[in-house]
């Protein structure tokens, strides 16, 4: 599991990606694409926690979680 910066928002704030696993098949989960979607972040965090703690979810799959795609929106502050 590792966290890295993958870019910056339009407002210059860092965009960070949490990656779990290194399998050839990958799943990308993105939250916070729009400021009016407030439950996306909590849903992503709950899913990420399950992936970390439940080994069968990682079998043959790497997971990548982008908590906030638009850090300048209110939902991501």
N, C-alpha and C. Protein backbone atom coordinates (compact mmCIF):
# COMPACT_ATOMS: atom_id res chain seq x y z
N UNK A 1 0.85 -1.16 0.00
CA UNK A 1 0.00 0.00 0.00
C UNK A 1 0.90 1.23 0.00
N UNK A 2 0.61 2.18 -0.90
CA UNK A 2 1.40 3.40 -0.90
C UNK A 2 0.55 4.57 -1.38
N UNK A 3 0.93 5.77 -0.94
CA UNK A 3 0.25 7.01 -1.27
C UNK A 3 1.21 7.87 -2.04
N UNK A 4 0.74 8.42 -3.18
CA UNK A 4 1.61 9.28 -3.98
C UNK A 4 0.81 10.41 -4.61
N UNK A 5 1.48 11.48 -4.91
CA UNK A 5 0.85 12.59 -5.59
C UNK A 5 0.84 12.30 -7.08
N UNK A 6 -0.34 12.44 -7.71
CA UNK A 6 -0.46 12.13 -9.14
C UNK A 6 -0.78 13.37 -9.98
N UNK A 7 -0.87 14.51 -9.34
CA UNK A 7 -1.15 15.74 -10.08
C UNK A 7 -1.55 16.84 -9.13
N UNK A 8 -2.06 17.92 -9.71
CA UNK A 8 -2.56 19.04 -8.91
C UNK A 8 -3.91 19.47 -9.47
N UNK A 9 -4.73 20.05 -8.61
CA UNK A 9 -6.03 20.55 -9.04
C UNK A 9 -5.86 21.85 -9.80
N UNK A 10 -6.95 22.32 -10.36
CA UNK A 10 -6.90 23.61 -11.05
C UNK A 10 -6.46 24.72 -10.12
N UNK A 11 -6.75 24.57 -8.83
CA UNK A 11 -6.36 25.56 -7.83
C UNK A 11 -4.97 25.34 -7.27
N UNK A 12 -4.24 24.33 -7.78
CA UNK A 12 -2.87 24.08 -7.33
C UNK A 12 -2.73 23.17 -6.13
N UNK A 13 -3.82 22.55 -5.67
CA UNK A 13 -3.76 21.64 -4.52
C UNK A 13 -3.39 20.24 -4.99
N UNK A 14 -2.61 19.49 -4.19
CA UNK A 14 -2.15 18.16 -4.61
C UNK A 14 -3.30 17.14 -4.73
N UNK A 15 -3.21 16.29 -5.73
CA UNK A 15 -4.13 15.16 -5.89
C UNK A 15 -3.34 13.90 -5.54
N UNK A 16 -3.83 13.16 -4.56
CA UNK A 16 -3.10 11.99 -4.06
C UNK A 16 -3.86 10.71 -4.37
N UNK A 17 -3.11 9.68 -4.72
CA UNK A 17 -3.67 8.38 -5.07
C UNK A 17 -3.16 7.34 -4.08
N UNK A 18 -4.08 6.60 -3.47
CA UNK A 18 -3.74 5.48 -2.59
C UNK A 18 -3.81 4.22 -3.43
N UNK A 19 -2.72 3.46 -3.49
CA UNK A 19 -2.68 2.21 -4.25
C UNK A 19 -2.49 1.04 -3.31
N UNK A 20 -3.26 -0.02 -3.55
CA UNK A 20 -3.19 -1.23 -2.74
C UNK A 20 -2.99 -2.40 -3.69
N UNK A 21 -1.87 -3.08 -3.60
CA UNK A 21 -1.57 -4.22 -4.45
C UNK A 21 -0.84 -3.81 -5.72
N UNK A 22 -0.28 -4.84 -6.39
CA UNK A 22 0.47 -4.60 -7.64
C UNK A 22 0.14 -5.67 -8.68
N UNK A 23 -1.12 -6.01 -8.78
CA UNK A 23 -1.55 -7.04 -9.73
C UNK A 23 -1.72 -6.45 -11.13
N UNK A 24 -1.71 -7.29 -12.16
CA UNK A 24 -1.86 -6.80 -13.53
C UNK A 24 -3.23 -6.17 -13.79
N UNK A 25 -4.27 -6.70 -13.19
CA UNK A 25 -5.61 -6.10 -13.33
C UNK A 25 -5.76 -5.00 -12.31
N UNK A 26 -6.35 -3.88 -12.72
CA UNK A 26 -6.45 -2.74 -11.82
C UNK A 26 -7.86 -2.17 -11.79
N UNK A 27 -8.22 -1.67 -10.61
CA UNK A 27 -9.48 -0.97 -10.42
C UNK A 27 -9.15 0.45 -9.95
N UNK A 28 -9.73 1.45 -10.60
CA UNK A 28 -9.56 2.84 -10.20
C UNK A 28 -10.89 3.34 -9.67
N UNK A 29 -10.87 3.86 -8.43
CA UNK A 29 -12.07 4.42 -7.81
C UNK A 29 -11.80 5.90 -7.58
N UNK A 30 -12.68 6.75 -8.11
CA UNK A 30 -12.50 8.20 -8.02
C UNK A 30 -13.69 8.82 -7.30
N UNK A 31 -13.42 9.66 -6.34
CA UNK A 31 -14.46 10.40 -5.63
C UNK A 31 -14.21 11.89 -5.81
N UNK A 32 -15.22 12.67 -5.51
CA UNK A 32 -15.05 14.12 -5.55
C UNK A 32 -14.88 14.70 -6.93
N UNK A 33 -15.48 14.08 -7.93
CA UNK A 33 -15.38 14.63 -9.28
C UNK A 33 -16.15 15.94 -9.40
N UNK A 34 -17.19 16.07 -8.59
CA UNK A 34 -18.01 17.29 -8.58
C UNK A 34 -18.23 17.73 -7.14
N UNK A 35 -18.27 19.00 -6.90
CA UNK A 35 -18.42 19.52 -5.54
C UNK A 35 -19.77 19.18 -4.91
N UNK A 36 -20.76 18.83 -5.71
CA UNK A 36 -22.09 18.54 -5.16
C UNK A 36 -22.31 17.04 -4.93
N UNK A 37 -21.26 16.27 -4.79
CA UNK A 37 -21.36 14.83 -4.51
C UNK A 37 -20.66 14.52 -3.19
N UNK A 38 -21.26 14.92 -2.07
CA UNK A 38 -20.58 14.83 -0.78
C UNK A 38 -20.38 13.42 -0.23
N UNK A 39 -21.12 12.42 -0.68
CA UNK A 39 -20.97 11.08 -0.12
C UNK A 39 -19.90 10.25 -0.81
N UNK A 40 -19.39 10.72 -1.93
CA UNK A 40 -18.38 9.95 -2.66
C UNK A 40 -17.12 9.69 -1.85
N UNK A 41 -16.64 10.69 -1.12
CA UNK A 41 -15.42 10.53 -0.33
C UNK A 41 -15.56 9.50 0.77
N UNK A 42 -16.67 9.55 1.51
CA UNK A 42 -16.85 8.59 2.59
C UNK A 42 -17.04 7.18 2.04
N UNK A 43 -17.71 7.06 0.90
CA UNK A 43 -17.88 5.75 0.27
C UNK A 43 -16.53 5.19 -0.17
N UNK A 44 -15.70 6.03 -0.78
CA UNK A 44 -14.37 5.60 -1.22
C UNK A 44 -13.53 5.15 -0.03
N UNK A 45 -13.55 5.91 1.07
CA UNK A 45 -12.76 5.54 2.24
C UNK A 45 -13.22 4.22 2.85
N UNK A 46 -14.52 3.99 2.88
CA UNK A 46 -15.04 2.72 3.40
C UNK A 46 -14.61 1.55 2.52
N UNK A 47 -14.69 1.73 1.21
CA UNK A 47 -14.25 0.68 0.28
C UNK A 47 -12.75 0.43 0.42
N UNK A 48 -11.96 1.49 0.51
CA UNK A 48 -10.50 1.34 0.67
C UNK A 48 -10.17 0.57 1.94
N UNK A 49 -10.87 0.87 3.01
CA UNK A 49 -10.64 0.16 4.28
C UNK A 49 -10.95 -1.34 4.13
N UNK A 50 -12.03 -1.66 3.45
CA UNK A 50 -12.37 -3.07 3.22
C UNK A 50 -11.31 -3.76 2.38
N UNK A 51 -10.85 -3.10 1.33
CA UNK A 51 -9.83 -3.69 0.46
C UNK A 51 -8.55 -3.96 1.24
N UNK A 52 -8.17 -3.05 2.11
CA UNK A 52 -6.96 -3.24 2.92
C UNK A 52 -7.11 -4.41 3.89
N UNK A 53 -8.28 -4.55 4.50
CA UNK A 53 -8.47 -5.56 5.54
C UNK A 53 -8.99 -6.91 5.05
N UNK A 54 -9.53 -6.99 3.84
CA UNK A 54 -10.10 -8.24 3.35
C UNK A 54 -9.28 -8.75 2.15
N UNK A 55 -8.37 -9.64 2.43
CA UNK A 55 -7.44 -10.16 1.42
C UNK A 55 -8.11 -10.66 0.14
N UNK A 56 -9.25 -11.37 0.20
CA UNK A 56 -9.86 -11.85 -1.05
C UNK A 56 -10.19 -10.73 -2.05
N UNK A 57 -10.45 -9.54 -1.57
CA UNK A 57 -10.74 -8.42 -2.48
C UNK A 57 -9.51 -8.01 -3.28
N UNK A 58 -8.33 -8.36 -2.79
CA UNK A 58 -7.08 -7.99 -3.48
C UNK A 58 -6.54 -9.13 -4.35
N UNK A 59 -7.20 -10.25 -4.39
CA UNK A 59 -6.72 -11.40 -5.13
C UNK A 59 -6.69 -11.11 -6.63
N UNK A 60 -5.50 -10.95 -7.17
CA UNK A 60 -5.33 -10.73 -8.60
C UNK A 60 -5.70 -9.35 -9.09
N UNK A 61 -5.97 -8.43 -8.17
CA UNK A 61 -6.41 -7.08 -8.54
C UNK A 61 -5.65 -6.05 -7.71
N UNK A 62 -5.17 -5.00 -8.37
CA UNK A 62 -4.64 -3.86 -7.62
C UNK A 62 -5.72 -2.79 -7.61
N UNK A 63 -5.81 -2.07 -6.51
CA UNK A 63 -6.82 -1.03 -6.32
C UNK A 63 -6.12 0.32 -6.23
N UNK A 64 -6.75 1.32 -6.84
CA UNK A 64 -6.22 2.69 -6.80
C UNK A 64 -7.37 3.62 -6.45
N UNK A 65 -7.17 4.40 -5.39
CA UNK A 65 -8.22 5.27 -4.87
C UNK A 65 -7.79 6.73 -4.97
N UNK A 66 -8.54 7.51 -5.72
CA UNK A 66 -8.32 8.96 -5.81
C UNK A 66 -9.44 9.61 -5.02
N UNK A 67 -9.11 10.12 -3.83
CA UNK A 67 -10.13 10.63 -2.93
C UNK A 67 -10.85 11.85 -3.48
N UNK A 68 -10.14 12.67 -4.20
CA UNK A 68 -10.77 13.90 -4.68
C UNK A 68 -10.20 14.31 -6.02
N UNK A 69 -11.05 14.30 -7.04
CA UNK A 69 -10.59 14.66 -8.39
C UNK A 69 -10.56 16.17 -8.60
N UNK A 70 -11.35 16.91 -7.80
CA UNK A 70 -11.39 18.37 -7.97
C UNK A 70 -11.26 19.01 -6.59
N UNK A 71 -10.01 19.19 -6.13
CA UNK A 71 -9.75 19.72 -4.79
C UNK A 71 -10.20 21.15 -4.61
N UNK A 72 -10.59 21.84 -5.66
CA UNK A 72 -11.06 23.20 -5.51
C UNK A 72 -12.56 23.24 -5.17
N UNK A 73 -13.23 22.10 -5.28
CA UNK A 73 -14.66 22.02 -4.94
C UNK A 73 -14.88 21.92 -3.44
N UNK A 74 -16.04 22.31 -2.95
CA UNK A 74 -16.32 22.31 -1.52
C UNK A 74 -16.33 20.92 -0.93
N UNK A 75 -16.70 19.89 -1.68
CA UNK A 75 -16.80 18.53 -1.14
C UNK A 75 -15.44 17.95 -0.79
N UNK A 76 -14.38 18.54 -1.24
CA UNK A 76 -13.05 17.96 -1.07
C UNK A 76 -12.14 18.75 -0.13
N UNK A 77 -12.64 19.73 0.52
CA UNK A 77 -11.77 20.57 1.34
C UNK A 77 -11.42 19.96 2.66
